[in-house]
Amino acid sequence: MVLENNRGFVVIEVLISIFIVFLAIVTIVSSYKQNLQYNNKIKDYENMYFTVKSIVNLLDKTDINAGFKFKKIKIFKLNGFNIEIYAKKIKEQRNYVLNTTDLGNIVGSHSGNILYILYKIKIILKRENFTKNFYYYVTKVKK
C-alpha cells in the first residue's frame, strides 16, 4: 500500500518539475525576443543619429536661402531614410561697430559690413511607418 501512494506522488513531482522547466524556457525565450527588439531599436537610433549628423555636416557647407517661413530646401534618400530638410530664417543682424561722434562720444550700432543670419533647420526622417523630426539652429555669415 505504501508503494502505490509513492508512485502517485512521484508522478505528481515529475509533472510539477516539467511545469517549472516549461516556465523557465518560456521566460528565457520571451526575454531573448525582447532583447532582440531592443537591439534593433538601438541600431535604428544609431543609424538615425549618424544620418542626422551627416546632414548637419552637409548643411554647414551649403548656402541656405530661406525666408521667415519654413522653406523646403532639400529632399533625398540616405541610409534607408527619405529625408526632407526645411529652413526658416530666425534673425538677421549686422556686426556691432563702435563709432566716435564729433563731440568725442563713443556710439555703437549694428552697422558693420558682416551680416549674421540665424536659421532654424527642420530635418524629417521617414521610413515605412516611422517619422521623426529633428530641429537645430545654424548661423551663416555673409560679408
Protein backbone atom coordinates (compact mmCIF):
# COMPACT_ATOMS: atom_id res chain seq x y z
CA MET A 1 0.00 0.00 0.00
CA VAL A 2 2.78 2.36 0.76
CA LEU A 3 4.32 1.66 -2.65
CA GLU A 4 1.16 2.66 -4.58
CA ASN A 5 0.99 6.02 -2.77
CA ASN A 6 4.66 6.70 -3.55
CA ARG A 7 4.14 6.04 -7.26
CA GLY A 8 1.34 8.62 -7.48
CA PHE A 9 3.45 11.09 -5.55
CA VAL A 10 6.40 10.58 -7.94
CA VAL A 11 4.17 11.21 -10.99
CA ILE A 12 2.95 14.50 -9.45
CA GLU A 13 6.54 15.53 -8.67
CA VAL A 14 7.57 14.83 -12.28
CA LEU A 15 4.62 16.84 -13.64
CA ILE A 16 5.46 19.78 -11.34
CA SER A 17 9.13 19.69 -12.37
CA ILE A 18 8.15 19.58 -16.07
CA PHE A 19 5.87 22.59 -15.49
CA ILE A 20 8.69 24.50 -13.76
CA VAL A 21 11.11 23.72 -16.61
CA PHE A 22 8.46 24.83 -19.12
CA LEU A 23 8.04 28.16 -17.27
CA ALA A 24 11.80 28.68 -17.25
CA ILE A 25 12.02 28.03 -21.01
CA VAL A 26 9.12 30.40 -21.73
CA THR A 27 10.78 33.11 -19.61
CA ILE A 28 14.15 32.67 -21.35
CA VAL A 29 12.60 32.74 -24.85
CA SER A 30 10.49 35.83 -24.14
CA SER A 31 13.42 37.73 -22.62
CA TYR A 32 15.59 36.78 -25.62
CA LYS A 33 12.89 38.02 -28.01
CA GLN A 34 12.58 41.29 -26.08
CA ASN A 35 16.36 41.69 -26.10
CA LEU A 36 16.39 41.33 -29.91
CA GLN A 37 13.71 44.03 -30.21
CA TYR A 38 15.74 46.42 -28.03
CA ASN A 39 18.90 45.73 -30.05
CA ASN A 40 17.05 46.51 -33.31
CA LYS A 41 15.69 49.72 -31.79
CA ILE A 42 19.18 50.75 -30.65
CA LYS A 43 20.54 50.09 -34.16
CA ASP A 44 17.75 52.21 -35.66
CA TYR A 45 18.51 55.12 -33.31
CA GLU A 46 22.23 54.80 -34.04
CA ASN A 47 21.50 54.86 -37.77
CA MET A 48 19.28 57.94 -37.28
CA TYR A 49 21.97 59.71 -35.26
CA PHE A 50 24.66 59.19 -37.90
CA THR A 51 22.25 60.18 -40.67
CA VAL A 52 21.31 63.45 -38.95
CA LYS A 53 24.97 64.13 -38.13
CA SER A 54 25.86 63.67 -41.81
CA ILE A 55 23.06 66.04 -42.85
CA VAL A 56 24.22 68.69 -40.36
CA ASN A 57 27.77 68.47 -41.74
CA LEU A 58 26.38 68.76 -45.27
CA LEU A 59 24.29 71.84 -44.39
CA ASP A 60 27.23 73.57 -42.73
CA LYS A 61 28.95 73.58 -46.13
CA THR A 62 25.95 74.71 -48.21
CA ASP A 63 24.36 78.11 -48.63
CA ILE A 64 20.86 78.42 -47.18
CA ASN A 65 18.40 80.84 -48.74
CA ALA A 66 15.18 80.89 -46.76
CA GLY A 67 12.73 83.50 -45.57
CA PHE A 68 10.92 83.85 -42.26
CA LYS A 69 8.65 80.86 -43.04
CA PHE A 70 9.82 77.26 -43.36
CA LYS A 71 11.01 76.56 -46.89
CA LYS A 72 11.84 73.13 -48.28
CA ILE A 73 15.48 73.20 -49.32
CA LYS A 74 16.36 69.55 -49.99
CA ILE A 75 14.77 66.13 -50.47
CA PHE A 76 16.88 63.00 -50.86
CA LYS A 77 17.48 59.45 -49.59
CA LEU A 78 20.26 58.46 -47.21
CA ASN A 79 20.84 55.31 -45.10
CA GLY A 80 17.39 53.96 -45.97
CA PHE A 81 15.56 57.16 -44.90
CA ASN A 82 13.55 59.55 -47.05
CA ILE A 83 14.80 62.94 -45.87
CA GLU A 84 13.17 66.36 -46.13
CA ILE A 85 15.03 69.46 -44.96
CA TYR A 86 13.34 72.76 -44.22
CA ALA A 87 14.94 76.07 -43.23
CA LYS A 88 13.49 79.18 -41.63
CA LYS A 89 15.28 82.48 -41.06
CA ILE A 90 15.02 83.47 -37.39
CA LYS A 91 17.07 86.65 -37.23
CA GLU A 92 19.46 88.64 -39.35
CA GLN A 93 21.81 91.24 -37.92
CA ARG A 94 24.98 93.12 -38.84
CA ASN A 95 28.03 93.12 -36.60
CA TYR A 96 28.32 95.73 -33.83
CA VAL A 97 30.59 98.69 -34.62
CA LEU A 98 31.79 101.45 -32.26
CA ASN A 99 31.94 104.96 -33.74
CA THR A 100 33.05 108.25 -32.24
CA THR A 101 30.95 111.35 -32.72
CA ASP A 102 32.16 114.90 -33.32
CA LEU A 103 31.88 115.55 -29.58
CA GLY A 104 34.11 112.60 -28.75
CA ASN A 105 31.32 110.31 -27.54
CA ILE A 106 31.52 106.65 -28.40
CA VAL A 107 28.36 105.35 -30.01
CA GLY A 108 27.75 101.77 -31.07
CA SER A 109 25.39 100.36 -33.63
CA HIS A 110 24.76 97.27 -35.71
CA SER A 111 26.04 98.83 -38.91
CA GLY A 112 29.07 96.71 -39.74
CA ASN A 113 29.78 95.06 -43.06
CA ILE A 114 29.36 91.49 -41.81
CA LEU A 115 25.85 90.01 -41.79
CA TYR A 116 24.95 87.20 -39.36
CA ILE A 117 21.86 85.14 -40.16
CA LEU A 118 20.35 82.63 -37.73
CA TYR A 119 18.37 79.77 -39.30
CA LYS A 120 16.21 77.11 -37.71
CA ILE A 121 16.62 73.81 -39.57
CA LYS A 122 13.98 71.09 -39.53
CA ILE A 123 15.04 67.61 -40.67
CA ILE A 124 12.34 64.99 -41.24
CA LEU A 125 13.39 61.34 -41.46
CA LYS A 126 10.80 58.92 -42.88
CA ARG A 127 10.90 55.16 -43.26
CA GLU A 128 7.79 53.00 -43.80
CA ASN A 129 5.52 53.71 -40.78
CA PHE A 130 8.18 55.73 -38.97
CA THR A 131 8.63 59.54 -39.00
CA LYS A 132 10.99 61.52 -36.77
CA ASN A 133 11.60 65.29 -36.71
CA PHE A 134 14.87 66.91 -35.66
CA TYR A 135 15.48 70.64 -35.15
CA TYR A 136 18.69 72.60 -34.80
CA TYR A 137 19.99 76.12 -35.33
CA VAL A 138 22.77 77.24 -37.65
CA THR A 139 24.42 80.63 -38.10
CA LYS A 140 25.61 81.72 -41.53
CA VAL A 141 27.97 84.67 -42.06
CA LYS A 142 27.88 86.87 -45.17
CA LYS A 143 30.30 89.69 -45.91
